[in-house]
Amino acid sequence: MMIDIDRDVCIGAGQCALAAPKVFTQDDDGLSELLPEAEPGPMAGEAARACPVQAITVT
């Protein structure tokens, strides 16, 4: 499973971190980033669907 975050599109809404807190966090600027120990699973797809600007792609 591959996860891509388009940081040019991300607005820092934090929905990804709420939907999948073991996969996503927010950096100091509030933008989404993957946790280093992230284990992508079904919640990563849920986080992508929750993103209001569709900045996350899961393939």
PDB file of N, CA and C in Angstrom:
ATOM      1  N   MET A   1       0.857  -1.172   0.000  1.00  0.00           N
ATOM      2  CA  MET A   1       0.000   0.000   0.000  1.00  0.00           C
ATOM      3  C   MET A   1       0.901   1.232   0.000  1.00  0.00           C
ATOM      4  N   MET A   2       0.615   2.141  -0.906  1.00  0.00           N
ATOM      5  CA  MET A   2       1.368   3.403  -1.004  1.00  0.00           C
ATOM      6  C   MET A   2       0.451   4.554  -0.598  1.00  0.00           C
ATOM      7  N   ILE A   3       0.999   5.475   0.163  1.00  0.00           N
ATOM      8  CA  ILE A   3       0.260   6.668   0.577  1.00  0.00           C
ATOM      9  C   ILE A   3       1.037   7.875   0.097  1.00  0.00           C
ATOM     10  N   ASP A   4       0.332   8.780  -0.580  1.00  0.00           N
ATOM     11  CA  ASP A   4       0.949  10.021  -1.044  1.00  0.00           C
ATOM     12  C   ASP A   4       0.163  11.193  -0.477  1.00  0.00           C
ATOM     13  N   ILE A   5       0.890  12.171   0.051  1.00  0.00           N
ATOM     14  CA  ILE A   5       0.264  13.394   0.560  1.00  0.00           C
ATOM     15  C   ILE A   5       0.744  14.543  -0.312  1.00  0.00           C
ATOM     16  N   ASP A   6      -0.187  15.216  -0.952  1.00  0.00           N
ATOM     17  CA  ASP A   6       0.157  16.392  -1.762  1.00  0.00           C
ATOM     18  C   ASP A   6       0.169  17.597  -0.822  1.00  0.00           C
ATOM     19  N   ARG A   7       1.353  17.944  -0.355  1.00  0.00           N
ATOM     20  CA  ARG A   7       1.483  19.020   0.633  1.00  0.00           C
ATOM     21  C   ARG A   7       1.192  20.391   0.036  1.00  0.00           C
ATOM     22  N   ASP A   8       1.167  20.495  -1.296  1.00  0.00           N
ATOM     23  CA  ASP A   8       0.781  21.756  -1.932  1.00  0.00           C
ATOM     24  C   ASP A   8      -0.728  21.962  -1.858  1.00  0.00           C
ATOM     25  N   VAL A   9      -1.467  20.874  -1.681  1.00  0.00           N
ATOM     26  CA  VAL A   9      -2.928  20.927  -1.619  1.00  0.00           C
ATOM     27  C   VAL A   9      -3.417  20.912  -0.164  1.00  0.00           C
ATOM     28  N   CYS A  10      -2.672  20.254   0.719  1.00  0.00           N
ATOM     29  CA  CYS A  10      -3.068  20.103   2.120  1.00  0.00           C
ATOM     30  C   CYS A  10      -3.315  21.465   2.769  1.00  0.00           C
ATOM     31  N   ILE A  11      -4.431  21.564   3.501  1.00  0.00           N
ATOM     32  CA  ILE A  11      -4.766  22.803   4.214  1.00  0.00           C
ATOM     33  C   ILE A  11      -4.647  22.640   5.723  1.00  0.00           C
ATOM     34  N   GLY A  12      -4.220  21.470   6.173  1.00  0.00           N
ATOM     35  CA  GLY A  12      -4.029  21.245   7.599  1.00  0.00           C
ATOM     36  C   GLY A  12      -5.311  21.079   8.389  1.00  0.00           C
ATOM     37  N   ALA A  13      -6.339  20.529   7.769  1.00  0.00           N
ATOM     38  CA  ALA A  13      -7.619  20.339   8.453  1.00  0.00           C
ATOM     39  C   ALA A  13      -7.518  19.299   9.566  1.00  0.00           C
ATOM     40  N   GLY A  14      -6.582  18.370   9.451  1.00  0.00           N
ATOM     41  CA  GLY A  14      -6.356  17.372  10.489  1.00  0.00           C
ATOM     42  C   GLY A  14      -7.298  16.191  10.483  1.00  0.00           C
ATOM     43  N   GLN A  15      -8.138  16.082   9.476  1.00  0.00           N
ATOM     44  CA  GLN A  15      -9.081  14.968   9.417  1.00  0.00           C
ATOM     45  C   GLN A  15      -8.367  13.634   9.266  1.00  0.00           C
ATOM     46  N   CYS A  16      -7.227  13.630   8.580  1.00  0.00           N
ATOM     47  CA  CYS A  16      -6.466  12.394   8.413  1.00  0.00           C
ATOM     48  C   CYS A  16      -5.933  11.899   9.754  1.00  0.00           C
ATOM     49  N   ALA A  17      -5.407  12.812  10.550  1.00  0.00           N
ATOM     50  CA  ALA A  17      -4.879  12.437  11.860  1.00  0.00           C
ATOM     51  C   ALA A  17      -5.988  11.973  12.794  1.00  0.00           C
ATOM     52  N   LEU A  18      -7.173  12.522  12.636  1.00  0.00           N
ATOM     53  CA  LEU A  18      -8.310  12.073  13.446  1.00  0.00           C
ATOM     54  C   LEU A  18      -8.799  10.697  12.999  1.00  0.00           C
ATOM     55  N   ALA A  19      -8.820  10.470  11.701  1.00  0.00           N
ATOM     56  CA  ALA A  19      -9.320   9.204  11.159  1.00  0.00           C
ATOM     57  C   ALA A  19      -8.318   8.064  11.331  1.00  0.00           C
ATOM     58  N   ALA A  20      -7.032   8.363  11.232  1.00  0.00           N
ATOM     59  CA  ALA A  20      -5.998   7.321  11.317  1.00  0.00           C
ATOM     60  C   ALA A  20      -4.797   7.837  12.111  1.00  0.00           C
ATOM     61  N   PRO A  21      -4.939   7.988  13.423  1.00  0.00           N
ATOM     62  CA  PRO A  21      -3.868   8.569  14.239  1.00  0.00           C
ATOM     63  C   PRO A  21      -2.599   7.719  14.326  1.00  0.00           C
ATOM     64  N   LYS A  22      -2.664   6.456  13.930  1.00  0.00           N
ATOM     65  CA  LYS A  22      -1.467   5.609  13.926  1.00  0.00           C
ATOM     66  C   LYS A  22      -0.722   5.699  12.598  1.00  0.00           C
ATOM     67  N   VAL A  23      -1.296   6.454  11.649  1.00  0.00           N
ATOM     68  CA  VAL A  23      -0.687   6.589  10.326  1.00  0.00           C
ATOM     69  C   VAL A  23      -0.265   8.030  10.054  1.00  0.00           C
ATOM     70  N   PHE A  24      -1.103   8.993  10.429  1.00  0.00           N
ATOM     71  CA  PHE A  24      -0.867  10.402  10.108  1.00  0.00           C
ATOM     72  C   PHE A  24      -0.675  11.258  11.355  1.00  0.00           C
ATOM     73  N   THR A  25       0.075  12.316  11.180  1.00  0.00           N
ATOM     74  CA  THR A  25       0.216  13.354  12.185  1.00  0.00           C
ATOM     75  C   THR A  25       0.264  14.678  11.438  1.00  0.00           C
ATOM     76  N   GLN A  26       0.458  15.764  12.173  1.00  0.00           N
ATOM     77  CA  GLN A  26       0.603  17.069  11.545  1.00  0.00           C
ATOM     78  C   GLN A  26       1.948  17.639  11.946  1.00  0.00           C
ATOM     79  N   ASP A  27       2.618  18.290  10.992  1.00  0.00           N
ATOM     80  CA  ASP A  27       3.916  18.875  11.277  1.00  0.00           C
ATOM     81  C   ASP A  27       3.753  20.210  11.991  1.00  0.00           C
ATOM     82  N   ASP A  28       4.840  20.911  12.209  1.00  0.00           N
ATOM     83  CA  ASP A  28       4.794  22.186  12.934  1.00  0.00           C
ATOM     84  C   ASP A  28       3.970  23.250  12.219  1.00  0.00           C
ATOM     85  N   ASP A  29       3.803  23.106  10.911  1.00  0.00           N
ATOM     86  CA  ASP A  29       2.990  24.048  10.139  1.00  0.00           C
ATOM     87  C   ASP A  29       1.533  23.604  10.062  1.00  0.00           C
ATOM     88  N   GLY A  30       1.224  22.443  10.653  1.00  0.00           N
ATOM     89  CA  GLY A  30      -0.145  21.931  10.651  1.00  0.00           C
ATOM     90  C   GLY A  30      -0.475  21.063   9.450  1.00  0.00           C
ATOM     91  N   LEU A  31       0.507  20.821   8.582  1.00  0.00           N
ATOM     92  CA  LEU A  31       0.265  20.015   7.388  1.00  0.00           C
ATOM     93  C   LEU A  31       0.429  18.534   7.705  1.00  0.00           C
ATOM     94  N   SER A  32      -0.270  17.729   6.958  1.00  0.00           N
ATOM     95  CA  SER A  32      -0.270  16.279   7.158  1.00  0.00           C
ATOM     96  C   SER A  32       1.080  15.676   6.811  1.00  0.00           C
ATOM     97  N   GLU A  33       1.472  14.667   7.604  1.00  0.00           N
ATOM     98  CA  GLU A  33       2.639  13.866   7.282  1.00  0.00           C
ATOM     99  C   GLU A  33       2.448  12.476   7.861  1.00  0.00           C
ATOM    100  N   LEU A  34       3.158  11.527   7.265  1.00  0.00           N
ATOM    101  CA  LEU A  34       3.085  10.147   7.724  1.00  0.00           C
ATOM    102  C   LEU A  34       3.963   9.974   8.947  1.00  0.00           C
ATOM    103  N   LEU A  35       3.496   9.175   9.878  1.00  0.00           N
ATOM    104  CA  LEU A  35       4.330   8.814  11.016  1.00  0.00           C
ATOM    105  C   LEU A  35       5.393   7.832  10.539  1.00  0.00           C
ATOM    106  N   PRO A  36       6.614   7.927  11.061  1.00  0.00           N
ATOM    107  CA  PRO A  36       7.685   7.034  10.594  1.00  0.00           C
ATOM    108  C   PRO A  36       7.371   5.556  10.813  1.00  0.00           C
ATOM    109  N   GLU A  37       6.665   5.239  11.876  1.00  0.00           N
ATOM    110  CA  GLU A  37       6.340   3.855  12.184  1.00  0.00           C
ATOM    111  C   GLU A  37       4.952   3.452  11.685  1.00  0.00           C
ATOM    112  N   ALA A  38       4.414   4.247  10.767  1.00  0.00           N
ATOM    113  CA  ALA A  38       3.057   4.016  10.266  1.00  0.00           C
ATOM    114  C   ALA A  38       2.904   2.646   9.632  1.00  0.00           C
ATOM    115  N   GLU A  39       1.812   1.993   9.971  1.00  0.00           N
ATOM    116  CA  GLU A  39       1.455   0.716   9.368  1.00  0.00           C
ATOM    117  C   GLU A  39       0.138   0.918   8.627  1.00  0.00           C
ATOM    118  N   PRO A  40       0.207   1.309   7.352  1.00  0.00           N
ATOM    119  CA  PRO A  40      -1.013   1.581   6.598  1.00  0.00           C
ATOM    120  C   PRO A  40      -1.956   0.389   6.594  1.00  0.00           C
ATOM    121  N   GLY A  41      -3.188   0.673   6.726  1.00  0.00           N
ATOM    122  CA  GLY A  41      -4.227  -0.346   6.702  1.00  0.00           C
ATOM    123  C   GLY A  41      -5.516   0.293   6.225  1.00  0.00           C
ATOM    124  N   PRO A  42      -6.637  -0.276   6.548  1.00  0.00           N
ATOM    125  CA  PRO A  42      -7.916   0.248   6.074  1.00  0.00           C
ATOM    126  C   PRO A  42      -8.190   1.685   6.518  1.00  0.00           C
ATOM    127  N   MET A  43      -7.627   2.071   7.655  1.00  0.00           N
ATOM    128  CA  MET A  43      -7.886   3.431   8.139  1.00  0.00           C
ATOM    129  C   MET A  43      -7.192   4.488   7.278  1.00  0.00           C
ATOM    130  N   ALA A  44      -6.140   4.111   6.563  1.00  0.00           N
ATOM    131  CA  ALA A  44      -5.489   5.064   5.662  1.00  0.00           C
ATOM    132  C   ALA A  44      -6.449   5.475   4.554  1.00  0.00           C
ATOM    133  N   GLY A  45      -7.204   4.536   4.036  1.00  0.00           N
ATOM    134  CA  GLY A  45      -8.211   4.847   3.023  1.00  0.00           C
ATOM    135  C   GLY A  45      -9.313   5.718   3.584  1.00  0.00           C
ATOM    136  N   GLU A  46      -9.701   5.447   4.818  1.00  0.00           N
ATOM    137  CA  GLU A  46     -10.713   6.276   5.483  1.00  0.00           C
ATOM    138  C   GLU A  46     -10.203   7.709   5.649  1.00  0.00           C
ATOM    139  N   ALA A  47      -8.931   7.849   5.998  1.00  0.00           N
ATOM    140  CA  ALA A  47      -8.335   9.175   6.143  1.00  0.00           C
ATOM    141  C   ALA A  47      -8.318   9.913   4.811  1.00  0.00           C
ATOM    142  N   ALA A  48      -8.011   9.203   3.736  1.00  0.00           N
ATOM    143  CA  ALA A  48      -8.009   9.823   2.404  1.00  0.00           C
ATOM    144  C   ALA A  48      -9.407  10.317   2.052  1.00  0.00           C
ATOM    145  N   ARG A  49     -10.417   9.527   2.370  1.00  0.00           N
ATOM    146  CA  ARG A  49     -11.804   9.937   2.088  1.00  0.00           C
ATOM    147  C   ARG A  49     -12.232  11.113   2.967  1.00  0.00           C
ATOM    148  N   ALA A  50     -11.664  11.210   4.165  1.00  0.00           N
ATOM    149  CA  ALA A  50     -12.034  12.282   5.095  1.00  0.00           C
ATOM    150  C   ALA A  50     -11.378  13.623   4.757  1.00  0.00           C
ATOM    151  N   CYS A  51     -10.329  13.582   3.949  1.00  0.00           N
ATOM    152  CA  CYS A  51      -9.614  14.819   3.618  1.00  0.00           C
ATOM    153  C   CYS A  51     -10.520  15.744   2.803  1.00  0.00           C
ATOM    154  N   PRO A  52     -10.766  16.961   3.312  1.00  0.00           N
ATOM    155  CA  PRO A  52     -11.683  17.865   2.609  1.00  0.00           C
ATOM    156  C   PRO A  52     -11.165  18.388   1.274  1.00  0.00           C
ATOM    157  N   VAL A  53      -9.844  18.313   1.060  1.00  0.00           N
ATOM    158  CA  VAL A  53      -9.278  18.803  -0.209  1.00  0.00           C
ATOM    159  C   VAL A  53      -8.661  17.684  -1.039  1.00  0.00           C
ATOM    160  N   GLN A  54      -8.884  16.441  -0.616  1.00  0.00           N
ATOM    161  CA  GLN A  54      -8.397  15.256  -1.336  1.00  0.00           C
ATOM    162  C   GLN A  54      -6.892  15.305  -1.588  1.00  0.00           C
ATOM    163  N   ALA A  55      -6.137  15.668  -0.539  1.00  0.00           N
ATOM    164  CA  ALA A  55      -4.683  15.757  -0.646  1.00  0.00           C
ATOM    165  C   ALA A  55      -3.989  14.417  -0.453  1.00  0.00           C
ATOM    166  N   ILE A  56      -4.743  13.390  -0.045  1.00  0.00           N
ATOM    167  CA  ILE A  56      -4.162  12.081   0.238  1.00  0.00           C
ATOM    168  C   ILE A  56      -4.621  11.068  -0.806  1.00  0.00           C
ATOM    169  N   THR A  57      -3.660  10.334  -1.336  1.00  0.00           N
ATOM    170  CA  THR A  57      -3.945   9.268  -2.284  1.00  0.00           C
ATOM    171  C   THR A  57      -3.420   7.960  -1.701  1.00  0.00           C
ATOM    172  N   VAL A  58      -4.259   6.944  -1.687  1.00  0.00           N
ATOM    173  CA  VAL A  58      -3.864   5.620  -1.212  1.00  0.00           C
ATOM    174  C   VAL A  58      -4.040   4.646  -2.378  1.00  0.00           C
ATOM    175  N   THR A  59      -2.938   3.976  -2.722  1.00  0.00           N
ATOM    176  CA  THR A  59      -3.000   2.994  -3.820  1.00  0.00           C
ATOM    177  C   THR A  59      -2.443   1.668  -3.365  1.00  0.00           C
TER     178      THR A  59
END
